[in-house]
Amino acid sequence: MLINEIFYSLQGEGRYTGTPAVFVRFSGCNMQCAFCDTQHERHSVMTEEDIVSEVCTYPAHHVVLTGGEPLLQLTSTLVDLLHRHGMTVQIETNGTLPLPEGCMVDWVTCSPKCTRVKLQHIDELKVVFLHEHDDPSVYAHLPASVFSLQPCDTGDAEKNNVILRAAIAYCLQHPQWHLSLQTHKLINIQ
Protein backbone atom coordinates (compact mmCIF):
# COMPACT_ATOMS: atom_id res chain seq x y z
CA MET A 1 0.00 0.00 0.00
CA LEU A 2 1.15 3.56 -0.68
CA ILE A 3 1.22 5.36 2.65
CA ASN A 4 1.87 9.09 2.84
CA GLU A 5 2.46 9.05 6.60
CA ILE A 6 1.50 7.45 9.90
CA PHE A 7 1.42 9.74 12.92
CA TYR A 8 -0.05 10.10 16.40
CA SER A 9 -2.10 13.13 17.40
CA LEU A 10 -5.54 14.25 18.51
CA GLN A 11 -8.44 13.98 16.09
CA GLY A 12 -9.05 17.57 15.10
CA GLU A 13 -12.37 17.30 13.27
CA GLY A 14 -15.88 15.99 13.60
CA ARG A 15 -17.49 13.72 16.17
CA TYR A 16 -14.20 12.45 17.63
CA THR A 17 -12.54 15.87 18.05
CA GLY A 18 -10.00 15.68 20.85
CA THR A 19 -9.67 11.89 20.77
CA PRO A 20 -6.07 10.57 20.75
CA ALA A 21 -5.68 8.71 17.45
CA VAL A 22 -3.17 7.11 15.12
CA PHE A 23 -3.58 8.53 11.63
CA VAL A 24 -2.79 6.38 8.60
CA ARG A 25 -2.72 8.77 5.65
CA PHE A 26 -2.97 6.94 2.32
CA SER A 27 -1.32 8.51 -0.70
CA GLY A 28 -3.29 9.22 -3.85
CA CYS A 29 -6.76 10.54 -4.53
CA ASN A 30 -9.37 10.43 -7.29
CA MET A 31 -10.33 14.08 -6.74
CA GLN A 32 -8.34 17.26 -7.33
CA CYS A 33 -9.52 19.62 -4.59
CA ALA A 34 -7.75 22.98 -4.60
CA PHE A 35 -7.88 23.18 -0.78
CA CYS A 36 -6.31 19.75 -0.14
CA ASP A 37 -3.42 19.82 2.32
CA THR A 38 -1.94 16.39 1.46
CA GLN A 39 1.11 16.02 -0.78
CA HIS A 40 0.09 12.87 -2.66
CA GLU A 41 3.36 12.32 -4.47
CA ARG A 42 5.13 11.48 -1.17
CA HIS A 43 4.70 7.92 0.03
CA SER A 44 6.27 4.75 1.39
CA VAL A 45 5.28 1.29 0.21
CA MET A 46 4.03 -0.69 3.22
CA THR A 47 2.39 -4.07 3.72
CA GLU A 48 -0.72 -4.40 5.85
CA GLU A 49 1.43 -6.01 8.55
CA ASP A 50 3.89 -3.07 8.40
CA ILE A 51 1.02 -0.62 8.85
CA VAL A 52 -0.47 -2.49 11.82
CA SER A 53 2.97 -2.91 13.40
CA GLU A 54 3.62 0.84 13.25
CA VAL A 55 0.09 1.70 14.45
CA CYS A 56 0.63 -0.54 17.48
CA THR A 57 3.72 1.44 18.57
CA TYR A 58 1.39 4.21 19.78
CA PRO A 59 -0.73 4.07 22.95
CA ALA A 60 -4.10 4.97 21.37
CA HIS A 61 -6.64 2.42 20.22
CA HIS A 62 -8.42 4.74 17.77
CA VAL A 63 -7.14 4.63 14.18
CA VAL A 64 -8.14 7.11 11.49
CA LEU A 65 -7.69 5.92 7.90
CA THR A 66 -7.49 9.05 5.79
CA GLY A 67 -5.80 10.43 2.72
CA GLY A 68 -5.89 11.32 -0.07
CA GLU A 69 -8.62 8.78 -0.60
CA PRO A 70 -8.14 5.63 1.49
CA LEU A 71 -10.77 3.63 -0.41
CA LEU A 72 -8.49 3.51 -3.45
CA GLN A 73 -6.36 1.01 -1.49
CA LEU A 74 -8.19 -0.10 1.67
CA THR A 75 -8.85 -3.81 2.14
CA SER A 76 -11.08 -5.59 4.61
CA THR A 77 -8.03 -7.62 5.71
CA LEU A 78 -6.26 -4.46 6.93
CA VAL A 79 -9.35 -3.43 8.90
CA ASP A 80 -9.65 -6.97 10.33
CA LEU A 81 -5.97 -6.91 11.38
CA LEU A 82 -6.46 -3.56 13.13
CA HIS A 83 -9.54 -4.92 14.93
CA ARG A 84 -7.60 -8.02 16.03
CA HIS A 85 -5.11 -5.66 17.67
CA GLY A 86 -7.90 -3.94 19.63
CA MET A 87 -8.26 -0.88 17.43
CA THR A 88 -11.39 1.14 16.72
CA VAL A 89 -11.24 2.02 13.02
CA GLN A 90 -12.53 5.30 11.59
CA ILE A 91 -12.31 6.16 7.91
CA GLU A 92 -12.42 9.60 6.33
CA THR A 93 -13.44 9.32 2.67
CA ASN A 94 -14.84 11.48 -0.10
CA GLY A 95 -17.49 8.79 -0.63
CA THR A 96 -16.96 8.30 -4.37
CA LEU A 97 -16.04 4.64 -3.83
CA PRO A 98 -17.86 1.98 -1.78
CA LEU A 99 -16.26 0.23 1.17
CA PRO A 100 -14.66 -3.09 0.19
CA GLU A 101 -16.90 -6.13 0.48
CA GLY A 102 -17.09 -7.31 4.08
CA CYS A 103 -15.19 -4.28 5.41
CA MET A 104 -16.45 -3.53 8.94
CA VAL A 105 -15.26 0.00 9.73
CA ASP A 106 -16.44 1.31 13.11
CA TRP A 107 -17.07 4.96 12.08
CA VAL A 108 -17.48 6.26 8.52
CA THR A 109 -16.87 9.97 7.99
CA CYS A 110 -17.82 11.03 4.48
CA SER A 111 -16.58 14.39 3.27
CA PRO A 112 -18.16 14.59 -0.20
CA LYS A 113 -16.62 16.76 -2.88
CA CYS A 114 -19.35 15.94 -5.42
CA THR A 115 -22.90 14.59 -5.25
CA ARG A 116 -22.09 11.07 -6.51
CA VAL A 117 -21.63 9.40 -3.12
CA LYS A 118 -21.51 5.58 -3.31
CA LEU A 119 -21.52 4.69 0.39
CA GLN A 120 -24.42 2.69 1.78
CA HIS A 121 -23.72 3.73 5.36
CA ILE A 122 -22.39 7.04 6.70
CA ASP A 123 -21.97 7.80 10.39
CA GLU A 124 -20.89 11.40 9.90
CA LEU A 125 -21.28 13.61 6.88
CA LYS A 126 -18.64 16.36 6.98
CA VAL A 127 -19.17 18.97 4.27
CA VAL A 128 -16.35 21.42 3.62
CA PHE A 129 -17.97 24.86 3.42
CA LEU A 130 -16.07 26.87 0.80
CA HIS A 131 -17.99 30.15 0.68
CA GLU A 132 -21.16 31.86 1.78
CA HIS A 133 -23.03 30.74 -1.36
CA ASP A 134 -22.55 27.02 -0.67
CA ASP A 135 -25.68 24.94 -0.19
CA PRO A 136 -24.94 21.90 2.01
CA SER A 137 -28.59 20.84 1.70
CA VAL A 138 -27.66 19.03 -1.54
CA TYR A 139 -26.15 16.39 0.79
CA ALA A 140 -28.92 16.33 3.41
CA HIS A 141 -30.52 13.25 1.80
CA LEU A 142 -27.46 11.08 2.50
CA PRO A 143 -27.88 8.33 5.14
CA ALA A 144 -25.86 9.93 7.96
CA SER A 145 -26.55 10.21 11.66
CA VAL A 146 -24.33 13.30 12.18
CA PHE A 147 -24.20 16.29 9.80
CA SER A 148 -21.13 18.50 10.19
CA LEU A 149 -20.23 21.69 8.38
CA GLN A 150 -16.52 22.50 8.26
CA PRO A 151 -15.41 25.99 7.21
CA CYS A 152 -12.67 25.70 4.58
CA ASP A 153 -9.22 26.95 5.55
CA THR A 154 -8.14 29.08 2.58
CA GLY A 155 -4.92 30.28 4.20
CA ASP A 156 -6.29 33.84 4.18
CA ALA A 157 -7.50 35.03 7.61
CA GLU A 158 -9.97 37.53 6.17
CA LYS A 159 -11.56 34.99 3.78
CA ASN A 160 -11.58 32.37 6.54
CA ASN A 161 -13.52 34.73 8.81
CA VAL A 162 -16.16 35.36 6.11
CA ILE A 163 -16.49 31.60 5.53
CA LEU A 164 -16.68 30.90 9.28
CA ARG A 165 -19.41 33.50 9.84
CA ALA A 166 -21.42 32.12 6.91
CA ALA A 167 -21.03 28.55 8.21
CA ILE A 168 -22.19 29.62 11.68
CA ALA A 169 -25.21 31.38 10.16
CA TYR A 170 -26.03 28.28 8.09
CA CYS A 171 -25.90 26.00 11.17
CA LEU A 172 -28.12 28.38 13.13
CA GLN A 173 -30.67 28.40 10.30
CA HIS A 174 -30.39 24.62 9.74
CA PRO A 175 -29.97 22.97 13.18
CA GLN A 176 -29.51 19.52 11.61
CA TRP A 177 -25.94 20.70 10.92
CA HIS A 178 -23.16 20.99 13.52
CA LEU A 179 -20.19 23.30 13.13
CA SER A 180 -16.93 21.33 12.88
CA LEU A 181 -13.76 23.38 13.21
CA GLN A 182 -10.31 22.07 12.33
CA THR A 183 -9.13 22.30 15.93
CA HIS A 184 -5.76 20.73 15.12
CA LYS A 185 -5.00 23.85 13.06
CA LEU A 186 -6.32 26.15 15.79
CA ILE A 187 -4.07 24.61 18.44
CA ASN A 188 -1.16 24.08 16.02
CA ILE A 189 -0.76 20.29 16.08
CA GLN A 190 -0.55 17.82 13.21
C-alpha atoms as a PDB file:
ATOM      1  CA  MET A   1       0.000   0.000   0.000  1.00  0.00           C
ATOM      2  CA  LEU A   2       1.153   3.555  -0.681  1.00  0.00           C
ATOM      3  CA  ILE A   3       1.221   5.363   2.652  1.00  0.00           C
ATOM      4  CA  ASN A   4       1.875   9.094   2.839  1.00  0.00           C
ATOM      5  CA  GLU A   5       2.457   9.046   6.603  1.00  0.00           C
ATOM      6  CA  ILE A   6       1.498   7.454   9.900  1.00  0.00           C
ATOM      7  CA  PHE A   7       1.424   9.743  12.924  1.00  0.00           C
ATOM      8  CA  TYR A   8      -0.052  10.097  16.395  1.00  0.00           C
ATOM      9  CA  SER A   9      -2.101  13.127  17.396  1.00  0.00           C
ATOM     10  CA  LEU A  10      -5.544  14.248  18.511  1.00  0.00           C
ATOM     11  CA  GLN A  11      -8.441  13.977  16.090  1.00  0.00           C
ATOM     12  CA  GLY A  12      -9.048  17.573  15.096  1.00  0.00           C
ATOM     13  CA  GLU A  13     -12.366  17.302  13.273  1.00  0.00           C
ATOM     14  CA  GLY A  14     -15.876  15.986  13.602  1.00  0.00           C
ATOM     15  CA  ARG A  15     -17.492  13.717  16.166  1.00  0.00           C
ATOM     16  CA  TYR A  16     -14.198  12.451  17.631  1.00  0.00           C
ATOM     17  CA  THR A  17     -12.544  15.872  18.047  1.00  0.00           C
ATOM     18  CA  GLY A  18     -10.002  15.684  20.854  1.00  0.00           C
ATOM     19  CA  THR A  19      -9.665  11.886  20.775  1.00  0.00           C
ATOM     20  CA  PRO A  20      -6.068  10.566  20.745  1.00  0.00           C
ATOM     21  CA  ALA A  21      -5.685   8.714  17.452  1.00  0.00           C
ATOM     22  CA  VAL A  22      -3.174   7.106  15.124  1.00  0.00           C
ATOM     23  CA  PHE A  23      -3.580   8.531  11.634  1.00  0.00           C
ATOM     24  CA  VAL A  24      -2.794   6.383   8.603  1.00  0.00           C
ATOM     25  CA  ARG A  25      -2.717   8.766   5.650  1.00  0.00           C
ATOM     26  CA  PHE A  26      -2.974   6.944   2.325  1.00  0.00           C
ATOM     27  CA  SER A  27      -1.322   8.505  -0.703  1.00  0.00           C
ATOM     28  CA  GLY A  28      -3.294   9.218  -3.849  1.00  0.00           C
ATOM     29  CA  CYS A  29      -6.764  10.544  -4.532  1.00  0.00           C
ATOM     30  CA  ASN A  30      -9.367  10.428  -7.287  1.00  0.00           C
ATOM     31  CA  MET A  31     -10.334  14.082  -6.742  1.00  0.00           C
ATOM     32  CA  GLN A  32      -8.336  17.261  -7.325  1.00  0.00           C
ATOM     33  CA  CYS A  33      -9.524  19.620  -4.589  1.00  0.00           C
ATOM     34  CA  ALA A  34      -7.754  22.977  -4.599  1.00  0.00           C
ATOM     35  CA  PHE A  35      -7.880  23.183  -0.776  1.00  0.00           C
ATOM     36  CA  CYS A  36      -6.314  19.748  -0.137  1.00  0.00           C
ATOM     37  CA  ASP A  37      -3.423  19.817   2.320  1.00  0.00           C
ATOM     38  CA  THR A  38      -1.939  16.385   1.458  1.00  0.00           C
ATOM     39  CA  GLN A  39       1.110  16.019  -0.778  1.00  0.00           C
ATOM     40  CA  HIS A  40       0.086  12.869  -2.660  1.00  0.00           C
ATOM     41  CA  GLU A  41       3.361  12.324  -4.474  1.00  0.00           C
ATOM     42  CA  ARG A  42       5.133  11.482  -1.175  1.00  0.00           C
ATOM     43  CA  HIS A  43       4.702   7.916   0.026  1.00  0.00           C
ATOM     44  CA  SER A  44       6.271   4.746   1.388  1.00  0.00           C
ATOM     45  CA  VAL A  45       5.281   1.291   0.215  1.00  0.00           C
ATOM     46  CA  MET A  46       4.033  -0.694   3.218  1.00  0.00           C
ATOM     47  CA  THR A  47       2.388  -4.068   3.717  1.00  0.00           C
ATOM     48  CA  GLU A  48      -0.719  -4.396   5.851  1.00  0.00           C
ATOM     49  CA  GLU A  49       1.432  -6.013   8.547  1.00  0.00           C
ATOM     50  CA  ASP A  50       3.894  -3.071   8.402  1.00  0.00           C
ATOM     51  CA  ILE A  51       1.019  -0.622   8.851  1.00  0.00           C
ATOM     52  CA  VAL A  52      -0.466  -2.493  11.824  1.00  0.00           C
ATOM     53  CA  SER A  53       2.973  -2.908  13.402  1.00  0.00           C
ATOM     54  CA  GLU A  54       3.624   0.841  13.249  1.00  0.00           C
ATOM     55  CA  VAL A  55       0.091   1.704  14.449  1.00  0.00           C
ATOM     56  CA  CYS A  56       0.632  -0.544  17.478  1.00  0.00           C
ATOM     57  CA  THR A  57       3.716   1.440  18.567  1.00  0.00           C
ATOM     58  CA  TYR A  58       1.393   4.215  19.775  1.00  0.00           C
ATOM     59  CA  PRO A  59      -0.733   4.066  22.952  1.00  0.00           C
ATOM     60  CA  ALA A  60      -4.102   4.969  21.375  1.00  0.00           C
ATOM     61  CA  HIS A  61      -6.641   2.417  20.222  1.00  0.00           C
ATOM     62  CA  HIS A  62      -8.416   4.739  17.775  1.00  0.00           C
ATOM     63  CA  VAL A  63      -7.137   4.628  14.183  1.00  0.00           C
ATOM     64  CA  VAL A  64      -8.142   7.106  11.493  1.00  0.00           C
ATOM     65  CA  LEU A  65      -7.693   5.922   7.895  1.00  0.00           C
ATOM     66  CA  THR A  66      -7.492   9.050   5.785  1.00  0.00           C
ATOM     67  CA  GLY A  67      -5.805  10.430   2.718  1.00  0.00           C
ATOM     68  CA  GLY A  68      -5.894  11.318  -0.067  1.00  0.00           C
ATOM     69  CA  GLU A  69      -8.619   8.777  -0.601  1.00  0.00           C
ATOM     70  CA  PRO A  70      -8.137   5.627   1.485  1.00  0.00           C
ATOM     71  CA  LEU A  71     -10.771   3.630  -0.411  1.00  0.00           C
ATOM     72  CA  LEU A  72      -8.492   3.512  -3.449  1.00  0.00           C
ATOM     73  CA  GLN A  73      -6.362   1.013  -1.487  1.00  0.00           C
ATOM     74  CA  LEU A  74      -8.189  -0.100   1.669  1.00  0.00           C
ATOM     75  CA  THR A  75      -8.853  -3.807   2.142  1.00  0.00           C
ATOM     76  CA  SER A  76     -11.083  -5.594   4.612  1.00  0.00           C
ATOM     77  CA  THR A  77      -8.029  -7.624   5.707  1.00  0.00           C
ATOM     78  CA  LEU A  78      -6.263  -4.459   6.926  1.00  0.00           C
ATOM     79  CA  VAL A  79      -9.354  -3.429   8.904  1.00  0.00           C
ATOM     80  CA  ASP A  80      -9.649  -6.968  10.329  1.00  0.00           C
ATOM     81  CA  LEU A  81      -5.974  -6.910  11.375  1.00  0.00           C
ATOM     82  CA  LEU A  82      -6.458  -3.563  13.126  1.00  0.00           C
ATOM     83  CA  HIS A  83      -9.538  -4.917  14.933  1.00  0.00           C
ATOM     84  CA  ARG A  84      -7.597  -8.016  16.032  1.00  0.00           C
ATOM     85  CA  HIS A  85      -5.112  -5.660  17.670  1.00  0.00           C
ATOM     86  CA  GLY A  86      -7.899  -3.940  19.635  1.00  0.00           C
ATOM     87  CA  MET A  87      -8.265  -0.881  17.427  1.00  0.00           C
ATOM     88  CA  THR A  88     -11.394   1.137  16.722  1.00  0.00           C
ATOM     89  CA  VAL A  89     -11.241   2.015  13.023  1.00  0.00           C
ATOM     90  CA  GLN A  90     -12.534   5.296  11.592  1.00  0.00           C
ATOM     91  CA  ILE A  91     -12.311   6.161   7.910  1.00  0.00           C
ATOM     92  CA  GLU A  92     -12.424   9.605   6.326  1.00  0.00           C
ATOM     93  CA  THR A  93     -13.440   9.322   2.675  1.00  0.00           C
ATOM     94  CA  ASN A  94     -14.835  11.477  -0.104  1.00  0.00           C
ATOM     95  CA  GLY A  95     -17.490   8.793  -0.632  1.00  0.00           C
ATOM     96  CA  THR A  96     -16.960   8.303  -4.371  1.00  0.00           C
ATOM     97  CA  LEU A  97     -16.041   4.639  -3.827  1.00  0.00           C
ATOM     98  CA  PRO A  98     -17.858   1.976  -1.781  1.00  0.00           C
ATOM     99  CA  LEU A  99     -16.262   0.228   1.168  1.00  0.00           C
ATOM    100  CA  PRO A 100     -14.655  -3.091   0.186  1.00  0.00           C
ATOM    101  CA  GLU A 101     -16.905  -6.134   0.476  1.00  0.00           C
ATOM    102  CA  GLY A 102     -17.091  -7.306   4.078  1.00  0.00           C
ATOM    103  CA  CYS A 103     -15.191  -4.278   5.414  1.00  0.00           C
ATOM    104  CA  MET A 104     -16.452  -3.526   8.936  1.00  0.00           C
ATOM    105  CA  VAL A 105     -15.264   0.003   9.732  1.00  0.00           C
ATOM    106  CA  ASP A 106     -16.439   1.315  13.114  1.00  0.00           C
ATOM    107  CA  TRP A 107     -17.069   4.956  12.080  1.00  0.00           C
ATOM    108  CA  VAL A 108     -17.476   6.260   8.520  1.00  0.00           C
ATOM    109  CA  THR A 109     -16.873   9.969   7.990  1.00  0.00           C
ATOM    110  CA  CYS A 110     -17.816  11.029   4.477  1.00  0.00           C
ATOM    111  CA  SER A 111     -16.579  14.389   3.267  1.00  0.00           C
ATOM    112  CA  PRO A 112     -18.164  14.588  -0.197  1.00  0.00           C
ATOM    113  CA  LYS A 113     -16.619  16.765  -2.880  1.00  0.00           C
ATOM    114  CA  CYS A 114     -19.353  15.942  -5.420  1.00  0.00           C
ATOM    115  CA  THR A 115     -22.897  14.586  -5.251  1.00  0.00           C
ATOM    116  CA  ARG A 116     -22.088  11.073  -6.515  1.00  0.00           C
ATOM    117  CA  VAL A 117     -21.627   9.398  -3.123  1.00  0.00           C
ATOM    118  CA  LYS A 118     -21.509   5.580  -3.309  1.00  0.00           C
ATOM    119  CA  LEU A 119     -21.517   4.695   0.390  1.00  0.00           C
ATOM    120  CA  GLN A 120     -24.420   2.685   1.779  1.00  0.00           C
ATOM    121  CA  HIS A 121     -23.720   3.732   5.363  1.00  0.00           C
ATOM    122  CA  ILE A 122     -22.386   7.042   6.705  1.00  0.00           C
ATOM    123  CA  ASP A 123     -21.974   7.801  10.394  1.00  0.00           C
ATOM    124  CA  GLU A 124     -20.892  11.396   9.903  1.00  0.00           C
ATOM    125  CA  LEU A 125     -21.277  13.612   6.878  1.00  0.00           C
ATOM    126  CA  LYS A 126     -18.639  16.362   6.979  1.00  0.00           C
ATOM    127  CA  VAL A 127     -19.168  18.969   4.272  1.00  0.00           C
ATOM    128  CA  VAL A 128     -16.350  21.417   3.616  1.00  0.00           C
ATOM    129  CA  PHE A 129     -17.974  24.856   3.422  1.00  0.00           C
ATOM    130  CA  LEU A 130     -16.075  26.875   0.803  1.00  0.00           C
ATOM    131  CA  HIS A 131     -17.989  30.154   0.676  1.00  0.00           C
ATOM    132  CA  GLU A 132     -21.165  31.859   1.779  1.00  0.00           C
ATOM    133  CA  HIS A 133     -23.031  30.738  -1.360  1.00  0.00           C
ATOM    134  CA  ASP A 134     -22.550  27.015  -0.667  1.00  0.00           C
ATOM    135  CA  ASP A 135     -25.679  24.936  -0.189  1.00  0.00           C
ATOM    136  CA  PRO A 136     -24.943  21.897   2.015  1.00  0.00           C
ATOM    137  CA  SER A 137     -28.592  20.839   1.703  1.00  0.00           C
ATOM    138  CA  VAL A 138     -27.660  19.029  -1.539  1.00  0.00           C
ATOM    139  CA  TYR A 139     -26.145  16.391   0.790  1.00  0.00           C
ATOM    140  CA  ALA A 140     -28.924  16.335   3.407  1.00  0.00           C
ATOM    141  CA  HIS A 141     -30.516  13.250   1.799  1.00  0.00           C
ATOM    142  CA  LEU A 142     -27.462  11.081   2.503  1.00  0.00           C
ATOM    143  CA  PRO A 143     -27.884   8.331   5.140  1.00  0.00           C
ATOM    144  CA  ALA A 144     -25.863   9.932   7.955  1.00  0.00           C
ATOM    145  CA  SER A 145     -26.550  10.211  11.664  1.00  0.00           C
ATOM    146  CA  VAL A 146     -24.332  13.301  12.183  1.00  0.00           C
ATOM    147  CA  PHE A 147     -24.202  16.285   9.798  1.00  0.00           C
ATOM    148  CA  SER A 148     -21.132  18.504  10.194  1.00  0.00           C
ATOM    149  CA  LEU A 149     -20.231  21.691   8.384  1.00  0.00           C
ATOM    150  CA  GLN A 150     -16.515  22.500   8.257  1.00  0.00           C
ATOM    151  CA  PRO A 151     -15.409  25.987   7.211  1.00  0.00           C
ATOM    152  CA  CYS A 152     -12.671  25.702   4.582  1.00  0.00           C
ATOM    153  CA  ASP A 153      -9.220  26.951   5.550  1.00  0.00           C
ATOM    154  CA  THR A 154      -8.135  29.083   2.583  1.00  0.00           C
ATOM    155  CA  GLY A 155      -4.917  30.283   4.202  1.00  0.00           C
ATOM    156  CA  ASP A 156      -6.287  33.837   4.175  1.00  0.00           C
ATOM    157  CA  ALA A 157      -7.496  35.027   7.606  1.00  0.00           C
ATOM    158  CA  GLU A 158      -9.973  37.530   6.168  1.00  0.00           C
ATOM    159  CA  LYS A 159     -11.558  34.993   3.780  1.00  0.00           C
ATOM    160  CA  ASN A 160     -11.578  32.375   6.539  1.00  0.00           C
ATOM    161  CA  ASN A 161     -13.518  34.733   8.810  1.00  0.00           C
ATOM    162  CA  VAL A 162     -16.155  35.357   6.111  1.00  0.00           C
ATOM    163  CA  ILE A 163     -16.494  31.596   5.530  1.00  0.00           C
ATOM    164  CA  LEU A 164     -16.679  30.897   9.278  1.00  0.00           C
ATOM    165  CA  ARG A 165     -19.406  33.503   9.839  1.00  0.00           C
ATOM    166  CA  ALA A 166     -21.419  32.119   6.907  1.00  0.00           C
ATOM    167  CA  ALA A 167     -21.032  28.552   8.212  1.00  0.00           C
ATOM    168  CA  ILE A 168     -22.194  29.624  11.683  1.00  0.00           C
ATOM    169  CA  ALA A 169     -25.208  31.378  10.159  1.00  0.00           C
ATOM    170  CA  TYR A 170     -26.030  28.276   8.094  1.00  0.00           C
ATOM    171  CA  CYS A 171     -25.903  26.002  11.170  1.00  0.00           C
ATOM    172  CA  LEU A 172     -28.122  28.384  13.133  1.00  0.00           C
ATOM    173  CA  GLN A 173     -30.672  28.400  10.297  1.00  0.00           C
ATOM    174  CA  HIS A 174     -30.392  24.620   9.743  1.00  0.00           C
ATOM    175  CA  PRO A 175     -29.971  22.970  13.181  1.00  0.00           C
ATOM    176  CA  GLN A 176     -29.508  19.521  11.613  1.00  0.00           C
ATOM    177  CA  TRP A 177     -25.942  20.701  10.922  1.00  0.00           C
ATOM    178  CA  HIS A 178     -23.160  20.990  13.522  1.00  0.00           C
ATOM    179  CA  LEU A 179     -20.185  23.304  13.133  1.00  0.00           C
ATOM    180  CA  SER A 180     -16.931  21.331  12.880  1.00  0.00           C
ATOM    181  CA  LEU A 181     -13.759  23.380  13.209  1.00  0.00           C
ATOM    182  CA  GLN A 182     -10.308  22.066  12.330  1.00  0.00           C
ATOM    183  CA  THR A 183      -9.128  22.299  15.926  1.00  0.00           C
ATOM    184  CA  HIS A 184      -5.756  20.731  15.123  1.00  0.00           C
ATOM    185  CA  LYS A 185      -4.996  23.848  13.061  1.00  0.00           C
ATOM    186  CA  LEU A 186      -6.323  26.153  15.791  1.00  0.00           C
ATOM    187  CA  ILE A 187      -4.066  24.609  18.443  1.00  0.00           C
ATOM    188  CA  ASN A 188      -1.162  24.076  16.018  1.00  0.00           C
ATOM    189  CA  ILE A 189      -0.756  20.294  16.078  1.00  0.00           C
ATOM    190  CA  GLN A 190      -0.555  17.824  13.212  1.00  0.00           C
END
